[in-house]
N, C-alpha and C. Protein backbone atom coordinates (compact mmCIF):
# COMPACT_ATOMS: atom_id res chain seq x y z
N UNK A 1 0.84 -1.20 0.00
CA UNK A 1 0.00 0.00 0.00
C UNK A 1 0.88 1.25 0.00
N UNK A 2 2.18 1.09 -0.11
CA UNK A 2 3.04 2.28 -0.15
C UNK A 2 3.14 2.77 -1.59
N UNK A 3 3.17 4.05 -1.75
CA UNK A 3 3.27 4.62 -3.09
C UNK A 3 2.73 6.02 -3.10
N UNK A 4 2.25 6.48 -4.25
CA UNK A 4 1.68 7.81 -4.35
C UNK A 4 0.35 7.76 -5.08
N UNK A 5 -0.50 8.73 -4.80
CA UNK A 5 -1.77 8.87 -5.51
C UNK A 5 -1.94 10.33 -5.90
N UNK A 6 -2.68 10.57 -6.95
CA UNK A 6 -3.00 11.93 -7.36
C UNK A 6 -4.26 12.37 -6.61
N UNK A 7 -4.20 13.54 -6.05
CA UNK A 7 -5.33 14.05 -5.25
C UNK A 7 -5.38 15.56 -5.36
N UNK A 8 -6.44 16.08 -5.96
CA UNK A 8 -6.66 17.54 -6.02
C UNK A 8 -5.40 18.29 -6.45
N UNK A 9 -4.84 17.92 -7.59
CA UNK A 9 -3.67 18.58 -8.17
C UNK A 9 -2.37 18.34 -7.39
N UNK A 10 -2.38 17.43 -6.44
CA UNK A 10 -1.17 17.11 -5.69
C UNK A 10 -0.83 15.63 -5.86
N UNK A 11 0.45 15.31 -5.67
CA UNK A 11 0.88 13.93 -5.58
C UNK A 11 1.06 13.62 -4.10
N UNK A 12 0.22 12.72 -3.58
CA UNK A 12 0.21 12.42 -2.14
C UNK A 12 0.88 11.07 -1.90
N UNK A 13 1.86 11.09 -1.01
CA UNK A 13 2.52 9.84 -0.62
C UNK A 13 1.64 9.11 0.38
N UNK A 14 1.50 7.79 0.22
CA UNK A 14 0.76 6.98 1.19
C UNK A 14 1.62 5.79 1.61
N UNK A 15 1.42 5.37 2.85
CA UNK A 15 2.11 4.21 3.42
C UNK A 15 1.06 3.39 4.16
N UNK A 16 1.43 2.23 4.72
CA UNK A 16 0.46 1.45 5.50
C UNK A 16 -0.05 2.17 6.75
N UNK A 17 0.53 3.33 7.08
CA UNK A 17 0.12 4.06 8.29
C UNK A 17 -1.03 5.04 8.04
N UNK A 18 -1.45 5.20 6.78
CA UNK A 18 -2.52 6.16 6.47
C UNK A 18 -3.50 5.55 5.48
N UNK A 19 -4.72 6.11 5.47
CA UNK A 19 -5.70 5.70 4.47
C UNK A 19 -5.30 6.24 3.10
N UNK A 20 -5.64 5.50 2.07
CA UNK A 20 -5.46 6.00 0.71
C UNK A 20 -6.59 7.00 0.44
N UNK A 21 -6.28 8.24 0.01
CA UNK A 21 -7.33 9.23 -0.22
C UNK A 21 -8.38 8.73 -1.21
N UNK A 22 -9.64 8.99 -0.90
CA UNK A 22 -10.76 8.53 -1.70
C UNK A 22 -11.27 9.63 -2.63
N UNK A 23 -11.91 9.25 -3.75
CA UNK A 23 -12.51 10.26 -4.63
C UNK A 23 -13.54 11.12 -3.90
N UNK A 24 -14.25 10.53 -2.93
CA UNK A 24 -15.25 11.30 -2.17
C UNK A 24 -14.58 12.45 -1.41
N UNK A 25 -13.38 12.18 -0.91
CA UNK A 25 -12.67 13.21 -0.15
C UNK A 25 -12.24 14.35 -1.08
N UNK A 26 -11.98 14.01 -2.32
CA UNK A 26 -11.66 15.04 -3.31
C UNK A 26 -12.88 15.93 -3.58
N UNK A 27 -14.07 15.32 -3.57
CA UNK A 27 -15.31 16.12 -3.72
C UNK A 27 -15.43 17.07 -2.53
N UNK A 28 -15.12 16.58 -1.33
CA UNK A 28 -15.18 17.42 -0.14
C UNK A 28 -14.28 18.64 -0.28
N UNK A 29 -13.05 18.41 -0.73
CA UNK A 29 -12.11 19.52 -0.93
C UNK A 29 -12.68 20.54 -1.92
N UNK A 30 -13.30 20.05 -2.97
CA UNK A 30 -13.87 20.94 -3.99
C UNK A 30 -15.02 21.76 -3.41
N UNK A 31 -15.86 21.14 -2.61
CA UNK A 31 -16.97 21.86 -1.98
C UNK A 31 -16.46 22.94 -1.03
N UNK A 32 -15.44 22.59 -0.24
CA UNK A 32 -14.86 23.58 0.67
C UNK A 32 -14.25 24.73 -0.12
N UNK A 33 -13.54 24.39 -1.20
CA UNK A 33 -12.90 25.42 -2.03
C UNK A 33 -13.92 26.40 -2.60
N UNK A 34 -15.07 25.87 -3.03
CA UNK A 34 -16.11 26.74 -3.59
C UNK A 34 -16.60 27.76 -2.55
N UNK A 35 -16.62 27.36 -1.28
CA UNK A 35 -17.02 28.28 -0.21
C UNK A 35 -15.90 29.27 0.10
N UNK A 36 -14.67 28.77 0.21
CA UNK A 36 -13.56 29.64 0.59
C UNK A 36 -13.25 30.68 -0.49
N UNK A 37 -13.54 30.34 -1.74
CA UNK A 37 -13.29 31.31 -2.83
C UNK A 37 -14.05 32.61 -2.63
N UNK A 38 -15.15 32.55 -1.89
CA UNK A 38 -15.99 33.75 -1.69
C UNK A 38 -15.62 34.52 -0.44
N UNK A 39 -14.57 34.09 0.27
CA UNK A 39 -14.24 34.70 1.56
C UNK A 39 -12.88 35.39 1.54
N UNK A 40 -12.75 36.38 2.41
CA UNK A 40 -11.45 37.01 2.64
C UNK A 40 -10.68 36.12 3.60
N UNK A 41 -9.55 35.57 3.15
CA UNK A 41 -8.87 34.54 3.93
C UNK A 41 -7.61 35.01 4.64
N UNK A 42 -7.21 36.25 4.41
CA UNK A 42 -5.99 36.74 5.06
C UNK A 42 -6.18 36.71 6.58
N UNK A 43 -5.24 36.06 7.27
CA UNK A 43 -5.33 35.98 8.72
C UNK A 43 -6.25 34.89 9.24
N UNK A 44 -6.88 34.15 8.34
CA UNK A 44 -7.81 33.09 8.76
C UNK A 44 -7.07 31.76 8.96
N UNK A 45 -7.61 30.95 9.86
CA UNK A 45 -6.96 29.69 10.25
C UNK A 45 -7.88 28.51 9.97
N UNK A 46 -7.33 27.47 9.33
CA UNK A 46 -8.07 26.23 9.08
C UNK A 46 -7.35 25.06 9.74
N UNK A 47 -8.10 24.25 10.47
CA UNK A 47 -7.54 23.03 11.05
C UNK A 47 -8.04 21.83 10.27
N UNK A 48 -7.14 20.94 9.90
CA UNK A 48 -7.49 19.65 9.30
C UNK A 48 -7.23 18.60 10.37
N UNK A 49 -8.32 18.21 11.06
CA UNK A 49 -8.23 17.29 12.20
C UNK A 49 -8.41 15.85 11.72
N UNK A 50 -7.71 14.90 12.34
CA UNK A 50 -7.67 13.50 11.86
C UNK A 50 -7.13 13.51 10.43
N UNK A 51 -6.00 14.19 10.24
CA UNK A 51 -5.52 14.53 8.89
C UNK A 51 -4.99 13.34 8.09
N UNK A 52 -4.56 12.26 8.77
CA UNK A 52 -4.00 11.13 8.02
C UNK A 52 -2.84 11.57 7.14
N UNK A 53 -2.94 11.30 5.86
CA UNK A 53 -1.87 11.67 4.91
C UNK A 53 -1.73 13.18 4.75
N UNK A 54 -2.72 13.92 5.25
CA UNK A 54 -2.69 15.38 5.10
C UNK A 54 -3.28 15.86 3.80
N UNK A 55 -3.92 14.96 3.04
CA UNK A 55 -4.37 15.31 1.69
C UNK A 55 -5.33 16.51 1.68
N UNK A 56 -6.26 16.59 2.66
CA UNK A 56 -7.23 17.69 2.65
C UNK A 56 -6.54 19.02 2.95
N UNK A 57 -5.82 19.06 4.07
CA UNK A 57 -5.16 20.30 4.46
C UNK A 57 -4.15 20.79 3.44
N UNK A 58 -3.35 19.88 2.89
CA UNK A 58 -2.37 20.27 1.89
C UNK A 58 -3.05 20.77 0.61
N UNK A 59 -4.14 20.11 0.20
CA UNK A 59 -4.85 20.54 -1.01
C UNK A 59 -5.43 21.94 -0.84
N UNK A 60 -5.97 22.23 0.35
CA UNK A 60 -6.57 23.55 0.58
C UNK A 60 -5.48 24.63 0.71
N UNK A 61 -4.36 24.29 1.32
CA UNK A 61 -3.25 25.25 1.40
C UNK A 61 -2.71 25.54 0.00
N UNK A 62 -2.67 24.51 -0.84
CA UNK A 62 -2.21 24.68 -2.22
C UNK A 62 -3.14 25.63 -2.99
N UNK A 63 -4.45 25.49 -2.76
CA UNK A 63 -5.43 26.34 -3.43
C UNK A 63 -5.47 27.76 -2.86
N UNK A 64 -5.26 27.85 -1.54
CA UNK A 64 -5.41 29.14 -0.84
C UNK A 64 -4.18 29.41 0.02
N UNK A 65 -3.08 29.85 -0.61
CA UNK A 65 -1.82 30.02 0.12
C UNK A 65 -1.91 31.01 1.28
N UNK A 66 -2.88 31.95 1.21
CA UNK A 66 -3.00 32.96 2.27
C UNK A 66 -3.61 32.41 3.55
N UNK A 67 -4.17 31.20 3.49
CA UNK A 67 -4.80 30.55 4.63
C UNK A 67 -3.73 29.94 5.53
N UNK A 68 -3.86 30.11 6.86
CA UNK A 68 -2.98 29.41 7.80
C UNK A 68 -3.58 28.04 8.07
N UNK A 69 -2.85 26.98 7.79
CA UNK A 69 -3.39 25.62 7.89
C UNK A 69 -2.60 24.83 8.93
N UNK A 70 -3.34 24.13 9.80
CA UNK A 70 -2.72 23.26 10.80
C UNK A 70 -3.28 21.85 10.61
N UNK A 71 -2.41 20.86 10.50
CA UNK A 71 -2.81 19.47 10.37
C UNK A 71 -2.59 18.76 11.70
N UNK A 72 -3.59 17.99 12.15
CA UNK A 72 -3.42 17.27 13.41
C UNK A 72 -3.90 15.84 13.28
N UNK A 73 -3.29 14.97 14.07
CA UNK A 73 -3.69 13.55 14.08
C UNK A 73 -3.21 12.94 15.38
N UNK A 74 -3.91 11.92 15.84
CA UNK A 74 -3.48 11.18 17.03
C UNK A 74 -2.25 10.35 16.72
N UNK A 75 -2.15 9.87 15.47
CA UNK A 75 -1.07 8.97 15.08
C UNK A 75 0.19 9.73 14.65
N UNK A 76 1.27 9.50 15.39
CA UNK A 76 2.56 10.13 15.04
C UNK A 76 3.04 9.61 13.69
N UNK A 77 2.74 8.33 13.39
CA UNK A 77 3.17 7.76 12.11
C UNK A 77 2.42 8.42 10.95
N UNK A 78 1.13 8.69 11.14
CA UNK A 78 0.37 9.38 10.10
C UNK A 78 0.93 10.78 9.88
N UNK A 79 1.24 11.47 10.97
CA UNK A 79 1.80 12.82 10.84
C UNK A 79 3.13 12.82 10.11
N UNK A 80 3.92 11.77 10.32
CA UNK A 80 5.20 11.67 9.61
C UNK A 80 4.98 11.61 8.11
N UNK A 81 3.91 10.92 7.68
CA UNK A 81 3.56 10.87 6.26
C UNK A 81 3.05 12.25 5.80
N UNK A 82 2.18 12.85 6.61
CA UNK A 82 1.62 14.17 6.26
C UNK A 82 2.73 15.21 6.08
N UNK A 83 3.77 15.10 6.91
CA UNK A 83 4.89 16.07 6.80
C UNK A 83 5.61 15.94 5.46
N UNK A 84 5.60 14.74 4.90
CA UNK A 84 6.27 14.53 3.61
C UNK A 84 5.42 15.02 2.43
N UNK A 85 4.15 15.31 2.70
CA UNK A 85 3.23 15.61 1.60
C UNK A 85 3.02 17.10 1.34
N UNK A 86 3.71 17.96 2.08
CA UNK A 86 3.55 19.38 1.80
C UNK A 86 4.27 20.23 2.81
N UNK A 87 4.42 21.50 2.44
CA UNK A 87 5.13 22.45 3.30
C UNK A 87 4.19 23.61 3.63
N UNK A 88 4.71 24.54 4.41
CA UNK A 88 3.99 25.78 4.74
C UNK A 88 2.71 25.55 5.52
N UNK A 89 2.64 24.43 6.23
CA UNK A 89 1.54 24.19 7.16
C UNK A 89 2.17 23.79 8.50
N UNK A 90 1.37 23.86 9.56
CA UNK A 90 1.85 23.45 10.88
C UNK A 90 1.29 22.06 11.21
N UNK A 91 1.91 21.38 12.14
CA UNK A 91 1.48 20.03 12.52
C UNK A 91 1.33 19.94 14.03
N UNK A 92 0.29 19.22 14.47
CA UNK A 92 0.10 18.98 15.90
C UNK A 92 -0.29 17.53 16.10
N UNK A 93 0.27 16.90 17.13
CA UNK A 93 -0.05 15.51 17.42
C UNK A 93 -0.92 15.46 18.68
N UNK A 94 -2.04 14.74 18.58
CA UNK A 94 -2.90 14.61 19.76
C UNK A 94 -4.31 14.21 19.38
N UNK A 95 -5.13 13.99 20.41
CA UNK A 95 -6.48 13.49 20.25
C UNK A 95 -7.46 14.65 20.04
N UNK A 96 -8.04 14.74 18.86
CA UNK A 96 -9.03 15.77 18.51
C UNK A 96 -8.59 17.16 18.97
N UNK A 97 -9.32 17.79 19.91
CA UNK A 97 -9.02 19.18 20.27
C UNK A 97 -7.88 19.32 21.28
N UNK A 98 -7.40 18.20 21.83
CA UNK A 98 -6.37 18.28 22.88
C UNK A 98 -5.17 19.15 22.50
N UNK A 99 -4.62 19.03 21.28
CA UNK A 99 -3.44 19.85 20.97
C UNK A 99 -3.77 21.31 20.66
N UNK A 100 -5.06 21.65 20.66
CA UNK A 100 -5.47 23.03 20.33
C UNK A 100 -5.98 23.80 21.55
N UNK A 101 -5.70 23.28 22.73
CA UNK A 101 -6.19 23.92 23.96
C UNK A 101 -5.87 25.41 23.98
N UNK A 102 -6.91 26.23 24.21
CA UNK A 102 -6.72 27.69 24.29
C UNK A 102 -6.63 28.39 22.96
N UNK A 103 -6.80 27.66 21.84
CA UNK A 103 -6.72 28.27 20.51
C UNK A 103 -8.09 28.23 19.82
N UNK A 104 -8.20 29.02 18.75
CA UNK A 104 -9.45 29.01 17.97
C UNK A 104 -9.12 29.00 16.49
N UNK A 105 -10.08 28.51 15.70
CA UNK A 105 -9.90 28.52 14.25
C UNK A 105 -11.14 29.13 13.59
N UNK A 106 -11.00 29.45 12.32
CA UNK A 106 -12.12 29.98 11.54
C UNK A 106 -12.81 28.87 10.75
N UNK A 107 -12.02 27.85 10.39
CA UNK A 107 -12.54 26.74 9.60
C UNK A 107 -11.97 25.44 10.15
N UNK A 108 -12.83 24.43 10.22
CA UNK A 108 -12.36 23.11 10.65
C UNK A 108 -12.86 22.08 9.65
N UNK A 109 -11.97 21.19 9.24
CA UNK A 109 -12.37 20.08 8.38
C UNK A 109 -11.89 18.81 9.04
N UNK A 110 -12.76 17.80 9.03
CA UNK A 110 -12.41 16.54 9.68
C UNK A 110 -13.01 15.37 8.91
N UNK A 111 -12.16 14.40 8.60
CA UNK A 111 -12.61 13.15 7.99
C UNK A 111 -12.27 12.05 9.00
N UNK A 112 -13.13 11.90 10.03
CA UNK A 112 -12.78 10.99 11.13
C UNK A 112 -13.06 9.53 10.77
N UNK A 113 -12.62 8.60 11.61
CA UNK A 113 -13.00 7.20 11.39
C UNK A 113 -14.51 7.06 11.61
N UNK A 114 -15.26 6.68 10.58
CA UNK A 114 -16.72 6.64 10.74
C UNK A 114 -17.34 5.29 10.40
N UNK A 115 -16.53 4.31 10.01
CA UNK A 115 -17.06 2.97 9.72
C UNK A 115 -17.42 2.29 11.04
N UNK A 116 -18.56 1.60 11.10
CA UNK A 116 -18.92 0.86 12.31
C UNK A 116 -18.20 -0.49 12.31
N UNK A 117 -18.15 -1.13 13.49
CA UNK A 117 -17.52 -2.45 13.59
C UNK A 117 -18.22 -3.45 12.65
N UNK A 118 -19.56 -3.35 12.55
CA UNK A 118 -20.31 -4.25 11.69
C UNK A 118 -19.91 -4.04 10.22
N UNK A 119 -19.83 -2.76 9.82
CA UNK A 119 -19.46 -2.46 8.43
C UNK A 119 -18.03 -2.91 8.13
N UNK A 120 -17.17 -2.80 9.14
CA UNK A 120 -15.76 -3.16 8.95
C UNK A 120 -15.63 -4.61 8.47
N UNK A 121 -16.47 -5.48 9.00
CA UNK A 121 -16.42 -6.88 8.62
C UNK A 121 -16.80 -7.13 7.17
N UNK A 122 -17.47 -6.16 6.54
CA UNK A 122 -17.91 -6.34 5.15
C UNK A 122 -16.96 -5.67 4.15
N UNK A 123 -15.94 -4.97 4.65
CA UNK A 123 -15.04 -4.26 3.74
C UNK A 123 -14.15 -5.24 2.97
N UNK A 124 -13.67 -4.79 1.83
CA UNK A 124 -12.79 -5.64 1.02
C UNK A 124 -11.45 -5.83 1.74
N UNK A 125 -10.74 -6.91 1.44
CA UNK A 125 -9.43 -7.13 2.08
C UNK A 125 -8.46 -5.96 1.84
N UNK A 126 -8.57 -5.33 0.66
CA UNK A 126 -7.67 -4.19 0.36
C UNK A 126 -7.90 -3.06 1.35
N UNK A 127 -9.18 -2.78 1.63
CA UNK A 127 -9.48 -1.68 2.57
C UNK A 127 -9.11 -2.09 3.99
N UNK A 128 -9.35 -3.37 4.34
CA UNK A 128 -9.03 -3.81 5.70
C UNK A 128 -7.52 -3.85 5.94
N UNK A 129 -6.74 -3.78 4.86
CA UNK A 129 -5.29 -3.72 5.01
C UNK A 129 -4.83 -2.33 5.46
N UNK A 130 -5.72 -1.34 5.36
CA UNK A 130 -5.40 0.02 5.80
C UNK A 130 -5.59 0.10 7.31
N UNK A 131 -5.02 1.13 7.97
CA UNK A 131 -5.05 1.16 9.44
C UNK A 131 -6.48 1.21 10.00
N UNK A 132 -6.79 0.25 10.86
CA UNK A 132 -8.15 0.15 11.42
C UNK A 132 -8.52 1.40 12.23
N UNK A 133 -7.55 1.96 12.96
CA UNK A 133 -7.86 3.13 13.78
C UNK A 133 -8.28 4.34 12.94
N UNK A 134 -7.94 4.33 11.66
CA UNK A 134 -8.35 5.41 10.77
C UNK A 134 -9.69 5.14 10.10
N UNK A 135 -10.21 3.94 10.31
CA UNK A 135 -11.47 3.55 9.65
C UNK A 135 -12.65 3.46 10.61
N UNK A 136 -12.44 2.80 11.76
CA UNK A 136 -13.56 2.41 12.61
C UNK A 136 -13.79 3.40 13.74
N UNK A 137 -15.03 3.90 13.81
CA UNK A 137 -15.38 4.82 14.89
C UNK A 137 -16.88 5.04 14.99
N UNK A 138 -17.60 4.71 13.92
CA UNK A 138 -19.04 4.95 13.92
C UNK A 138 -19.36 6.43 14.14
N UNK A 139 -20.29 6.72 15.05
CA UNK A 139 -20.68 8.11 15.33
C UNK A 139 -19.88 8.73 16.48
N UNK A 140 -19.03 7.93 17.11
CA UNK A 140 -18.34 8.38 18.33
C UNK A 140 -17.58 9.69 18.14
N UNK A 141 -16.83 9.80 17.04
CA UNK A 141 -16.00 10.99 16.84
C UNK A 141 -16.86 12.24 16.65
N UNK A 142 -18.00 12.10 15.95
CA UNK A 142 -18.87 13.26 15.75
C UNK A 142 -19.46 13.72 17.08
N UNK A 143 -19.79 12.77 17.96
CA UNK A 143 -20.33 13.12 19.28
C UNK A 143 -19.28 13.86 20.10
N UNK A 144 -18.06 13.37 20.06
CA UNK A 144 -16.98 14.03 20.82
C UNK A 144 -16.66 15.41 20.26
N UNK A 145 -16.67 15.53 18.93
CA UNK A 145 -16.38 16.84 18.31
C UNK A 145 -17.51 17.82 18.62
N UNK A 146 -18.76 17.38 18.51
CA UNK A 146 -19.90 18.27 18.75
C UNK A 146 -19.88 18.83 20.17
N UNK A 147 -19.38 18.04 21.11
CA UNK A 147 -19.34 18.47 22.51
C UNK A 147 -18.36 19.62 22.74
N UNK A 148 -17.38 19.78 21.85
CA UNK A 148 -16.34 20.79 22.07
C UNK A 148 -16.23 21.84 20.97
N UNK A 149 -16.74 21.53 19.80
CA UNK A 149 -16.47 22.35 18.60
C UNK A 149 -16.72 23.84 18.80
N UNK A 150 -17.87 24.17 19.41
CA UNK A 150 -18.26 25.58 19.45
C UNK A 150 -17.36 26.43 20.34
N UNK A 151 -16.61 25.78 21.22
CA UNK A 151 -15.65 26.52 22.02
C UNK A 151 -14.35 26.81 21.28
N UNK A 152 -14.19 26.21 20.10
CA UNK A 152 -12.94 26.37 19.35
C UNK A 152 -13.11 27.13 18.03
N UNK A 153 -14.37 27.38 17.64
CA UNK A 153 -14.61 28.10 16.38
C UNK A 153 -14.82 29.58 16.64
N UNK A 154 -14.19 30.42 15.87
CA UNK A 154 -14.44 31.86 15.93
C UNK A 154 -15.85 32.17 15.44
N UNK A 155 -16.41 33.35 15.81
CA UNK A 155 -17.72 33.75 15.28
C UNK A 155 -17.70 33.71 13.74
N UNK A 156 -18.76 33.18 13.15
CA UNK A 156 -18.80 33.04 11.70
C UNK A 156 -18.01 31.85 11.20
N UNK A 157 -17.54 31.02 12.13
CA UNK A 157 -16.72 29.86 11.76
C UNK A 157 -17.52 28.79 11.03
N UNK A 158 -16.80 27.94 10.31
CA UNK A 158 -17.44 26.88 9.54
C UNK A 158 -16.70 25.56 9.77
N UNK A 159 -17.47 24.47 9.71
CA UNK A 159 -16.87 23.14 9.84
C UNK A 159 -17.42 22.23 8.75
N UNK A 160 -16.57 21.37 8.25
CA UNK A 160 -16.95 20.40 7.21
C UNK A 160 -16.49 19.02 7.64
N UNK A 161 -17.34 18.03 7.43
CA UNK A 161 -17.00 16.65 7.80
C UNK A 161 -17.33 15.71 6.65
N UNK A 162 -16.50 14.68 6.50
CA UNK A 162 -16.91 13.55 5.67
C UNK A 162 -17.63 12.59 6.60
N UNK A 163 -18.72 11.98 6.12
CA UNK A 163 -19.52 11.10 6.97
C UNK A 163 -19.80 9.79 6.23
N UNK A 164 -20.30 8.81 6.96
CA UNK A 164 -20.62 7.52 6.37
C UNK A 164 -21.98 7.53 5.70
N UNK A 165 -22.14 6.67 4.72
CA UNK A 165 -23.41 6.50 4.03
C UNK A 165 -24.52 6.24 5.04
N UNK A 166 -25.59 7.01 4.97
CA UNK A 166 -26.72 6.78 5.87
C UNK A 166 -26.57 7.36 7.26
N UNK A 167 -25.46 8.09 7.53
CA UNK A 167 -25.27 8.66 8.87
C UNK A 167 -25.82 10.09 8.98
N UNK A 168 -26.29 10.65 7.87
CA UNK A 168 -26.65 12.06 7.83
C UNK A 168 -27.61 12.51 8.91
N UNK A 169 -28.75 11.82 9.05
CA UNK A 169 -29.76 12.25 10.02
C UNK A 169 -29.24 12.15 11.44
N UNK A 170 -28.53 11.07 11.74
CA UNK A 170 -27.98 10.88 13.10
C UNK A 170 -26.97 11.99 13.42
N UNK A 171 -26.14 12.35 12.46
CA UNK A 171 -25.14 13.38 12.70
C UNK A 171 -25.80 14.75 12.85
N UNK A 172 -26.83 15.00 12.08
CA UNK A 172 -27.56 16.27 12.22
C UNK A 172 -28.12 16.41 13.64
N UNK A 173 -28.65 15.31 14.17
CA UNK A 173 -29.18 15.32 15.54
C UNK A 173 -28.06 15.59 16.54
N UNK A 174 -26.89 14.96 16.31
CA UNK A 174 -25.74 15.16 17.21
C UNK A 174 -25.39 16.65 17.30
N UNK A 175 -25.53 17.36 16.18
CA UNK A 175 -25.22 18.79 16.16
C UNK A 175 -26.49 19.64 16.33
N UNK A 176 -27.48 19.08 17.07
CA UNK A 176 -28.71 19.81 17.41
C UNK A 176 -29.44 20.37 16.20
N UNK A 177 -29.49 19.59 15.14
CA UNK A 177 -30.22 19.96 13.92
C UNK A 177 -29.70 21.23 13.24
N UNK A 178 -28.47 21.61 13.60
CA UNK A 178 -27.81 22.68 12.84
C UNK A 178 -27.05 22.00 11.70
N UNK A 179 -26.73 22.76 10.66
CA UNK A 179 -25.92 22.20 9.58
C UNK A 179 -26.74 21.48 8.54
N UNK A 180 -26.06 21.05 7.47
CA UNK A 180 -26.77 20.37 6.39
C UNK A 180 -25.95 19.19 5.86
N UNK A 181 -26.68 18.18 5.41
CA UNK A 181 -26.08 16.97 4.86
C UNK A 181 -26.09 17.08 3.34
N UNK A 182 -24.99 16.68 2.70
CA UNK A 182 -24.96 16.64 1.24
C UNK A 182 -24.51 15.25 0.79
N UNK A 183 -24.90 14.90 -0.42
CA UNK A 183 -24.61 13.57 -0.95
C UNK A 183 -23.40 13.58 -1.88
N UNK A 184 -22.83 12.39 -2.07
CA UNK A 184 -21.77 12.25 -3.06
C UNK A 184 -22.40 12.00 -4.44
N UNK A 185 -21.56 11.72 -5.42
CA UNK A 185 -22.08 11.56 -6.78
C UNK A 185 -22.99 10.35 -6.92
N UNK A 186 -22.85 9.38 -6.01
CA UNK A 186 -23.69 8.18 -6.06
C UNK A 186 -25.03 8.39 -5.34
N UNK A 187 -25.22 9.59 -4.78
CA UNK A 187 -26.47 9.88 -4.09
C UNK A 187 -26.50 9.43 -2.64
N UNK A 188 -25.32 9.10 -2.07
CA UNK A 188 -25.25 8.67 -0.67
C UNK A 188 -24.86 9.84 0.22
N UNK A 189 -25.42 9.88 1.44
CA UNK A 189 -24.93 10.83 2.45
C UNK A 189 -23.41 10.73 2.52
N UNK A 190 -22.71 11.85 2.45
CA UNK A 190 -21.25 11.76 2.49
C UNK A 190 -20.60 12.97 3.16
N UNK A 191 -21.31 14.10 3.22
CA UNK A 191 -20.71 15.31 3.77
C UNK A 191 -21.68 16.01 4.72
N UNK A 192 -21.11 16.67 5.72
CA UNK A 192 -21.91 17.45 6.66
C UNK A 192 -21.24 18.80 6.85
N UNK A 193 -21.99 19.88 6.66
CA UNK A 193 -21.46 21.24 6.76
C UNK A 193 -22.17 22.00 7.87
N UNK A 194 -21.44 22.84 8.54
CA UNK A 194 -21.96 23.57 9.68
C UNK A 194 -21.39 24.97 9.68
N UNK A 195 -22.22 25.97 9.94
CA UNK A 195 -21.74 27.35 10.04
C UNK A 195 -22.32 27.94 11.31
N UNK A 196 -21.47 28.63 12.09
CA UNK A 196 -21.99 29.23 13.32
C UNK A 196 -22.10 30.75 13.14
N UNK A 197 -22.98 31.34 13.90
CA UNK A 197 -23.22 32.79 13.80
C UNK A 197 -22.02 33.57 14.31
């Protein structure tokens, strides 16, 4: 599973320590870019949490050099790969918001582990060869993020998440019916967007 993949105009290195970037994640980057194109980004900060290979954060920094981008992950090995995939971004190691204590961002993007244990058993051997900690989490990560997110977002802040097929309604409830669910090209729930006042 070591090698490189093309992702949003970048060549991303992957190893057995990170997930291989998916086409759906590229759609997510494009949706975020369409929003950021309409905003004044000088002095604004974006966090790419659960960054894995860093593909999302690096792609957005590449598109919007004026944006300050920070990539974070619990896995030191994943961060080592992310460091090889781009420059001019910062890196933090730790569990979700732990490395950001006392800080705030304007934009947060997170593609957390959202596969359930039941779904994991049905995945192809190729996918199961990727790191399980980056795949399996169900709704747990969204619940943990929702409990803390609003204390870390600046006024007018926005958050984007990749989600599992069919998780849209449950995730909307987790975030108190704020935000909106969008589908991927196959018509499946895949993205969740949130904007605060």
